[in-house]
Amino acid sequence: MPEFELTASPSPEDLAIIQDALSAFNTEDVGAWERKPLAVLIRDTDGKVTGGLSGYTAWGWLFTQTLYIPETQRGKGMAGKILAAAEEEAKARGCHGAWIDTFNPQALHTYQQAGYEIFGDLPQFPKGRTRSFLRKNLG
């Protein structure tokens, strides 16, 4: 019978075994995901990265993992421009949809203005907030 070990500090090698096994299973089940990183970087006048978008494309979808706009650039439409640039690249890669999640009310409003629609919510994540999951058809 297998043994279980609960740990707060798994080794990178142990995590890789799990990830590799799941990837192999998924590839067999639905085909290769062909995950490809995607980033849209904001640089200051010295060329230093100050914010931007980080995510990836896989299985015909763009997933935005992180989107950060520096304080000095907020309220200027920067998030919408960055999302649009990422979406255009995703379409060039053959993607038909995009998704993102947030628990920040301002970000939620920004994503909805950019054409994203809520497809699910997780209340009290974190406490006092709702984590919303949004998608957009890239047609």
N, C-alpha and C. Protein backbone atom coordinates (compact mmCIF):
# COMPACT_ATOMS: atom_id res chain seq x y z
N MET A 1 0.85 -1.18 0.00
CA MET A 1 0.00 0.00 0.00
C MET A 1 0.89 1.24 0.00
N PRO A 2 0.54 2.27 -0.80
CA PRO A 2 1.35 3.49 -0.84
C PRO A 2 1.34 4.22 0.50
N GLU A 3 2.40 4.94 0.76
CA GLU A 3 2.48 5.79 1.95
C GLU A 3 2.28 7.23 1.52
N PHE A 4 1.75 8.02 2.42
CA PHE A 4 1.56 9.44 2.17
C PHE A 4 2.51 10.25 3.03
N GLU A 5 3.00 11.34 2.46
CA GLU A 5 3.84 12.27 3.20
C GLU A 5 3.29 13.67 2.96
N LEU A 6 2.93 14.34 4.03
CA LEU A 6 2.47 15.72 3.96
C LEU A 6 3.67 16.60 4.24
N THR A 7 3.94 17.55 3.33
CA THR A 7 5.12 18.40 3.51
C THR A 7 4.84 19.82 3.04
N ALA A 8 5.43 20.76 3.71
CA ALA A 8 5.36 22.16 3.29
C ALA A 8 6.60 22.54 2.49
N SER A 9 7.49 21.58 2.29
CA SER A 9 8.73 21.87 1.55
C SER A 9 9.10 20.70 0.62
N PRO A 10 8.26 20.47 -0.39
CA PRO A 10 8.58 19.40 -1.34
C PRO A 10 9.82 19.78 -2.16
N SER A 11 10.58 18.80 -2.57
CA SER A 11 11.76 19.09 -3.38
C SER A 11 11.34 19.41 -4.81
N PRO A 12 12.12 20.20 -5.50
CA PRO A 12 11.82 20.48 -6.91
C PRO A 12 11.74 19.19 -7.73
N GLU A 13 12.57 18.22 -7.38
CA GLU A 13 12.56 16.95 -8.11
C GLU A 13 11.24 16.21 -7.90
N ASP A 14 10.73 16.20 -6.67
CA ASP A 14 9.46 15.54 -6.39
C ASP A 14 8.32 16.22 -7.14
N LEU A 15 8.32 17.55 -7.13
CA LEU A 15 7.28 18.28 -7.85
C LEU A 15 7.36 18.03 -9.36
N ALA A 16 8.57 17.93 -9.89
CA ALA A 16 8.76 17.66 -11.31
C ALA A 16 8.20 16.30 -11.70
N ILE A 17 8.35 15.31 -10.82
CA ILE A 17 7.80 13.98 -11.10
C ILE A 17 6.29 14.06 -11.26
N ILE A 18 5.63 14.78 -10.36
CA ILE A 18 4.17 14.92 -10.42
C ILE A 18 3.77 15.67 -11.69
N GLN A 19 4.44 16.80 -11.95
CA GLN A 19 4.11 17.62 -13.13
C GLN A 19 4.35 16.84 -14.42
N ASP A 20 5.47 16.14 -14.51
CA ASP A 20 5.77 15.38 -15.72
C ASP A 20 4.76 14.26 -15.95
N ALA A 21 4.35 13.59 -14.86
CA ALA A 21 3.37 12.51 -14.98
C ALA A 21 2.02 13.06 -15.45
N LEU A 22 1.60 14.20 -14.87
CA LEU A 22 0.33 14.79 -15.28
C LEU A 22 0.41 15.28 -16.72
N SER A 23 1.51 15.89 -17.10
CA SER A 23 1.67 16.36 -18.49
C SER A 23 1.59 15.20 -19.48
N ALA A 24 2.23 14.09 -19.14
CA ALA A 24 2.18 12.92 -20.01
C ALA A 24 0.76 12.39 -20.11
N PHE A 25 0.05 12.34 -18.99
CA PHE A 25 -1.34 11.88 -18.99
C PHE A 25 -2.20 12.79 -19.86
N ASN A 26 -2.08 14.10 -19.66
CA ASN A 26 -2.89 15.05 -20.42
C ASN A 26 -2.58 15.00 -21.91
N THR A 27 -1.32 14.85 -22.25
CA THR A 27 -0.93 14.75 -23.66
C THR A 27 -1.60 13.54 -24.30
N GLU A 28 -1.60 12.43 -23.59
CA GLU A 28 -2.25 11.22 -24.08
C GLU A 28 -3.77 11.42 -24.18
N ASP A 29 -4.33 12.14 -23.23
CA ASP A 29 -5.78 12.31 -23.15
C ASP A 29 -6.31 13.32 -24.17
N VAL A 30 -5.69 14.52 -24.25
CA VAL A 30 -6.24 15.60 -25.10
C VAL A 30 -5.24 16.17 -26.10
N GLY A 31 -4.03 15.66 -26.14
CA GLY A 31 -3.01 16.16 -27.05
C GLY A 31 -2.05 17.11 -26.36
N ALA A 32 -0.93 17.34 -27.02
CA ALA A 32 0.11 18.19 -26.46
C ALA A 32 -0.42 19.61 -26.24
N TRP A 33 -0.05 20.19 -25.13
CA TRP A 33 -0.55 21.52 -24.82
C TRP A 33 0.27 22.62 -25.45
N GLU A 34 1.46 22.32 -25.90
CA GLU A 34 2.31 23.28 -26.60
C GLU A 34 2.34 24.62 -25.87
N ARG A 35 2.59 24.54 -24.58
CA ARG A 35 2.67 25.75 -23.75
C ARG A 35 3.83 26.63 -24.21
N LYS A 36 3.52 27.90 -24.41
CA LYS A 36 4.54 28.85 -24.87
C LYS A 36 4.40 30.14 -24.06
N PRO A 37 5.47 30.56 -23.39
CA PRO A 37 5.40 31.79 -22.58
C PRO A 37 5.05 33.01 -23.44
N LEU A 38 4.45 34.00 -22.79
CA LEU A 38 4.10 35.25 -23.45
C LEU A 38 4.23 36.36 -22.41
N ALA A 39 4.90 37.43 -22.77
CA ALA A 39 5.03 38.57 -21.86
C ALA A 39 4.95 39.87 -22.65
N VAL A 40 4.38 40.87 -22.02
CA VAL A 40 4.36 42.24 -22.55
C VAL A 40 4.98 43.07 -21.43
N LEU A 41 6.16 43.62 -21.67
CA LEU A 41 6.91 44.31 -20.63
C LEU A 41 6.78 45.82 -20.74
N ILE A 42 6.69 46.49 -19.60
CA ILE A 42 6.75 47.95 -19.52
C ILE A 42 8.16 48.29 -19.06
N ARG A 43 8.83 49.13 -19.81
CA ARG A 43 10.20 49.54 -19.45
C ARG A 43 10.24 51.05 -19.25
N ASP A 44 11.06 51.47 -18.29
CA ASP A 44 11.24 52.90 -18.09
C ASP A 44 12.27 53.43 -19.09
N THR A 45 12.60 54.71 -19.00
CA THR A 45 13.52 55.32 -19.95
C THR A 45 14.93 54.74 -19.88
N ASP A 46 15.26 54.08 -18.77
CA ASP A 46 16.56 53.43 -18.63
C ASP A 46 16.53 51.97 -19.10
N GLY A 47 15.37 51.52 -19.55
CA GLY A 47 15.24 50.14 -20.02
C GLY A 47 14.90 49.13 -18.94
N LYS A 48 14.71 49.62 -17.72
CA LYS A 48 14.37 48.72 -16.61
C LYS A 48 12.90 48.34 -16.67
N VAL A 49 12.61 47.04 -16.47
CA VAL A 49 11.22 46.58 -16.44
C VAL A 49 10.55 47.09 -15.17
N THR A 50 9.41 47.74 -15.34
CA THR A 50 8.68 48.29 -14.19
C THR A 50 7.31 47.65 -14.01
N GLY A 51 6.89 46.84 -14.97
CA GLY A 51 5.60 46.19 -14.90
C GLY A 51 5.33 45.45 -16.19
N GLY A 52 4.08 44.98 -16.32
CA GLY A 52 3.71 44.30 -17.54
C GLY A 52 2.82 43.10 -17.28
N LEU A 53 2.77 42.25 -18.29
CA LEU A 53 1.93 41.06 -18.29
C LEU A 53 2.80 39.83 -18.49
N SER A 54 2.47 38.79 -17.77
CA SER A 54 3.15 37.51 -17.92
C SER A 54 2.12 36.41 -17.98
N GLY A 55 2.28 35.50 -18.91
CA GLY A 55 1.36 34.39 -19.04
C GLY A 55 1.87 33.38 -20.03
N TYR A 56 0.95 32.66 -20.63
CA TYR A 56 1.33 31.68 -21.63
C TYR A 56 0.13 31.33 -22.50
N THR A 57 0.42 30.72 -23.64
CA THR A 57 -0.62 30.17 -24.49
C THR A 57 -0.50 28.66 -24.46
N ALA A 58 -1.65 27.99 -24.48
CA ALA A 58 -1.69 26.53 -24.50
C ALA A 58 -3.09 26.09 -24.87
N TRP A 59 -3.18 25.01 -25.64
CA TRP A 59 -4.47 24.43 -26.02
C TRP A 59 -5.44 25.47 -26.59
N GLY A 60 -4.92 26.44 -27.31
CA GLY A 60 -5.78 27.43 -27.95
C GLY A 60 -6.24 28.57 -27.06
N TRP A 61 -5.63 28.70 -25.88
CA TRP A 61 -6.02 29.74 -24.94
C TRP A 61 -4.82 30.57 -24.49
N LEU A 62 -5.07 31.84 -24.26
CA LEU A 62 -4.12 32.72 -23.58
C LEU A 62 -4.51 32.76 -22.12
N PHE A 63 -3.56 32.47 -21.24
CA PHE A 63 -3.80 32.62 -19.81
C PHE A 63 -2.87 33.71 -19.28
N THR A 64 -3.44 34.77 -18.75
CA THR A 64 -2.66 35.83 -18.12
C THR A 64 -2.50 35.48 -16.65
N GLN A 65 -1.25 35.19 -16.27
CA GLN A 65 -0.95 34.83 -14.88
C GLN A 65 -0.79 36.07 -14.02
N THR A 66 -0.08 37.06 -14.53
CA THR A 66 0.15 38.29 -13.76
C THR A 66 0.04 39.50 -14.68
N LEU A 67 -0.51 40.56 -14.14
CA LEU A 67 -0.59 41.84 -14.84
C LEU A 67 -0.39 42.92 -13.79
N TYR A 68 0.69 43.68 -13.93
CA TYR A 68 1.00 44.72 -12.97
C TYR A 68 1.30 46.02 -13.72
N ILE A 69 0.60 47.07 -13.33
CA ILE A 69 0.82 48.40 -13.89
C ILE A 69 1.44 49.26 -12.79
N PRO A 70 2.60 49.88 -13.06
CA PRO A 70 3.21 50.74 -12.04
C PRO A 70 2.27 51.88 -11.65
N GLU A 71 2.36 52.28 -10.41
CA GLU A 71 1.50 53.33 -9.86
C GLU A 71 1.45 54.56 -10.77
N THR A 72 2.60 54.96 -11.31
CA THR A 72 2.67 56.17 -12.13
C THR A 72 1.97 56.03 -13.48
N GLN A 73 1.66 54.80 -13.87
CA GLN A 73 1.04 54.56 -15.17
C GLN A 73 -0.45 54.18 -15.08
N ARG A 74 -0.95 54.06 -13.87
CA ARG A 74 -2.34 53.64 -13.70
C ARG A 74 -3.30 54.76 -14.12
N GLY A 75 -4.47 54.34 -14.61
CA GLY A 75 -5.49 55.30 -15.03
C GLY A 75 -5.24 55.89 -16.40
N LYS A 76 -4.29 55.35 -17.15
CA LYS A 76 -3.95 55.88 -18.47
C LYS A 76 -4.27 54.89 -19.59
N GLY A 77 -5.01 53.82 -19.26
CA GLY A 77 -5.36 52.84 -20.29
C GLY A 77 -4.27 51.83 -20.59
N MET A 78 -3.23 51.81 -19.77
CA MET A 78 -2.09 50.92 -20.01
C MET A 78 -2.49 49.45 -19.96
N ALA A 79 -3.32 49.06 -18.99
CA ALA A 79 -3.71 47.65 -18.86
C ALA A 79 -4.44 47.17 -20.11
N GLY A 80 -5.34 47.97 -20.63
CA GLY A 80 -6.06 47.61 -21.84
C GLY A 80 -5.14 47.44 -23.03
N LYS A 81 -4.15 48.33 -23.14
CA LYS A 81 -3.20 48.25 -24.24
C LYS A 81 -2.34 46.99 -24.13
N ILE A 82 -1.93 46.67 -22.92
CA ILE A 82 -1.11 45.48 -22.71
C ILE A 82 -1.91 44.21 -22.99
N LEU A 83 -3.16 44.18 -22.50
CA LEU A 83 -4.02 43.03 -22.78
C LEU A 83 -4.22 42.87 -24.29
N ALA A 84 -4.46 43.96 -24.99
CA ALA A 84 -4.68 43.91 -26.44
C ALA A 84 -3.45 43.37 -27.15
N ALA A 85 -2.27 43.79 -26.72
CA ALA A 85 -1.03 43.30 -27.35
C ALA A 85 -0.88 41.79 -27.12
N ALA A 86 -1.15 41.34 -25.90
CA ALA A 86 -1.06 39.91 -25.60
C ALA A 86 -2.09 39.12 -26.40
N GLU A 87 -3.30 39.65 -26.51
CA GLU A 87 -4.36 38.98 -27.26
C GLU A 87 -4.01 38.87 -28.74
N GLU A 88 -3.43 39.91 -29.30
CA GLU A 88 -3.03 39.87 -30.72
C GLU A 88 -1.99 38.78 -30.94
N GLU A 89 -1.01 38.70 -30.05
CA GLU A 89 0.00 37.65 -30.17
C GLU A 89 -0.63 36.27 -30.01
N ALA A 90 -1.57 36.15 -29.07
CA ALA A 90 -2.25 34.87 -28.86
C ALA A 90 -3.02 34.45 -30.11
N LYS A 91 -3.69 35.41 -30.75
CA LYS A 91 -4.41 35.10 -31.99
C LYS A 91 -3.43 34.65 -33.08
N ALA A 92 -2.27 35.32 -33.15
CA ALA A 92 -1.25 34.93 -34.13
C ALA A 92 -0.75 33.52 -33.86
N ARG A 93 -0.84 33.09 -32.62
CA ARG A 93 -0.44 31.73 -32.24
C ARG A 93 -1.59 30.73 -32.42
N GLY A 94 -2.73 31.20 -32.88
CA GLY A 94 -3.85 30.32 -33.13
C GLY A 94 -4.83 30.18 -31.98
N CYS A 95 -4.75 31.05 -31.00
CA CYS A 95 -5.65 30.96 -29.85
C CYS A 95 -7.04 31.51 -30.20
N HIS A 96 -8.05 30.90 -29.60
CA HIS A 96 -9.44 31.32 -29.81
C HIS A 96 -10.04 31.97 -28.56
N GLY A 97 -9.34 31.90 -27.43
CA GLY A 97 -9.87 32.47 -26.21
C GLY A 97 -8.77 32.92 -25.26
N ALA A 98 -9.17 33.72 -24.27
CA ALA A 98 -8.26 34.20 -23.25
C ALA A 98 -8.97 34.14 -21.91
N TRP A 99 -8.19 33.90 -20.85
CA TRP A 99 -8.78 33.93 -19.51
C TRP A 99 -7.81 34.51 -18.51
N ILE A 100 -8.39 35.03 -17.44
CA ILE A 100 -7.64 35.72 -16.40
C ILE A 100 -8.47 35.64 -15.12
N ASP A 101 -7.83 35.80 -13.97
CA ASP A 101 -8.59 35.87 -12.72
C ASP A 101 -8.02 36.98 -11.85
N THR A 102 -8.88 37.48 -10.96
CA THR A 102 -8.49 38.57 -10.07
C THR A 102 -9.40 38.62 -8.86
N PHE A 103 -8.88 39.19 -7.76
CA PHE A 103 -9.73 39.50 -6.62
C PHE A 103 -9.70 41.00 -6.34
N ASN A 104 -9.15 41.77 -7.28
CA ASN A 104 -9.06 43.22 -7.15
C ASN A 104 -10.22 43.87 -7.91
N PRO A 105 -11.07 44.63 -7.21
CA PRO A 105 -12.22 45.25 -7.89
C PRO A 105 -11.85 46.17 -9.05
N GLN A 106 -10.75 46.92 -8.93
CA GLN A 106 -10.33 47.79 -10.02
C GLN A 106 -9.90 46.98 -11.24
N ALA A 107 -9.15 45.91 -10.99
CA ALA A 107 -8.70 45.05 -12.09
C ALA A 107 -9.92 44.40 -12.76
N LEU A 108 -10.88 43.96 -11.96
CA LEU A 108 -12.09 43.35 -12.50
C LEU A 108 -12.77 44.30 -13.48
N HIS A 109 -12.91 45.55 -13.07
CA HIS A 109 -13.53 46.57 -13.93
C HIS A 109 -12.73 46.76 -15.22
N THR A 110 -11.41 46.81 -15.08
CA THR A 110 -10.54 46.99 -16.25
C THR A 110 -10.70 45.83 -17.22
N TYR A 111 -10.72 44.61 -16.72
CA TYR A 111 -10.85 43.43 -17.59
C TYR A 111 -12.21 43.41 -18.27
N GLN A 112 -13.25 43.81 -17.54
CA GLN A 112 -14.57 43.85 -18.15
C GLN A 112 -14.63 44.93 -19.24
N GLN A 113 -13.97 46.05 -19.02
CA GLN A 113 -13.91 47.10 -20.04
C GLN A 113 -13.17 46.61 -21.29
N ALA A 114 -12.24 45.68 -21.08
CA ALA A 114 -11.45 45.12 -22.19
C ALA A 114 -12.19 43.98 -22.89
N GLY A 115 -13.44 43.71 -22.48
CA GLY A 115 -14.24 42.71 -23.16
C GLY A 115 -14.28 41.34 -22.50
N TYR A 116 -13.71 41.21 -21.32
CA TYR A 116 -13.74 39.94 -20.60
C TYR A 116 -15.06 39.83 -19.84
N GLU A 117 -15.57 38.60 -19.73
CA GLU A 117 -16.81 38.37 -18.99
C GLU A 117 -16.56 37.33 -17.90
N ILE A 118 -17.24 37.52 -16.78
CA ILE A 118 -17.09 36.60 -15.65
C ILE A 118 -17.74 35.27 -15.99
N PHE A 119 -17.01 34.18 -15.72
CA PHE A 119 -17.62 32.86 -15.87
C PHE A 119 -17.63 32.08 -14.57
N GLY A 120 -17.08 32.68 -13.52
CA GLY A 120 -17.13 32.03 -12.21
C GLY A 120 -16.57 32.93 -11.13
N ASP A 121 -17.05 32.72 -9.92
CA ASP A 121 -16.60 33.48 -8.75
C ASP A 121 -16.29 32.54 -7.61
N LEU A 122 -15.33 32.95 -6.80
CA LEU A 122 -14.98 32.22 -5.59
C LEU A 122 -15.06 33.23 -4.44
N PRO A 123 -16.20 33.26 -3.72
CA PRO A 123 -16.37 34.24 -2.64
C PRO A 123 -15.38 34.01 -1.50
N GLN A 124 -15.05 35.08 -0.83
CA GLN A 124 -14.16 35.06 0.35
C GLN A 124 -12.77 34.51 0.02
N PHE A 125 -12.27 34.88 -1.18
CA PHE A 125 -10.91 34.49 -1.57
C PHE A 125 -10.18 35.68 -2.11
N PRO A 126 -9.41 36.41 -1.30
CA PRO A 126 -9.25 36.23 0.14
C PRO A 126 -10.45 36.78 0.90
N LYS A 127 -10.42 36.62 2.21
CA LYS A 127 -11.54 37.05 3.04
C LYS A 127 -11.88 38.50 2.74
N GLY A 128 -13.17 38.74 2.53
CA GLY A 128 -13.64 40.09 2.24
C GLY A 128 -13.66 40.42 0.76
N ARG A 129 -13.13 39.54 -0.07
CA ARG A 129 -13.08 39.76 -1.50
C ARG A 129 -13.67 38.56 -2.23
N THR A 130 -13.93 38.74 -3.50
CA THR A 130 -14.36 37.65 -4.37
C THR A 130 -13.35 37.50 -5.49
N ARG A 131 -12.87 36.30 -5.70
CA ARG A 131 -11.97 36.04 -6.82
C ARG A 131 -12.85 35.71 -8.02
N SER A 132 -12.69 36.49 -9.08
CA SER A 132 -13.49 36.31 -10.28
C SER A 132 -12.62 35.74 -11.39
N PHE A 133 -13.21 34.84 -12.15
CA PHE A 133 -12.56 34.21 -13.29
C PHE A 133 -13.26 34.74 -14.54
N LEU A 134 -12.46 35.26 -15.47
CA LEU A 134 -13.02 35.92 -16.65
C LEU A 134 -12.46 35.29 -17.93
N ARG A 135 -13.25 35.38 -18.99
CA ARG A 135 -12.81 34.86 -20.29
C ARG A 135 -13.19 35.85 -21.37
N LYS A 136 -12.53 35.67 -22.51
CA LYS A 136 -12.82 36.52 -23.66
C LYS A 136 -12.64 35.67 -24.91
N ASN A 137 -13.59 35.78 -25.82
CA ASN A 137 -13.49 35.11 -27.12
C ASN A 137 -12.57 35.94 -28.00
N LEU A 138 -11.54 35.31 -28.52
CA LEU A 138 -10.62 36.04 -29.39
C LEU A 138 -10.99 35.90 -30.86
N GLY A 139 -12.03 35.09 -31.12
CA GLY A 139 -12.58 34.93 -32.47
C GLY A 139 -11.58 35.09 -33.53
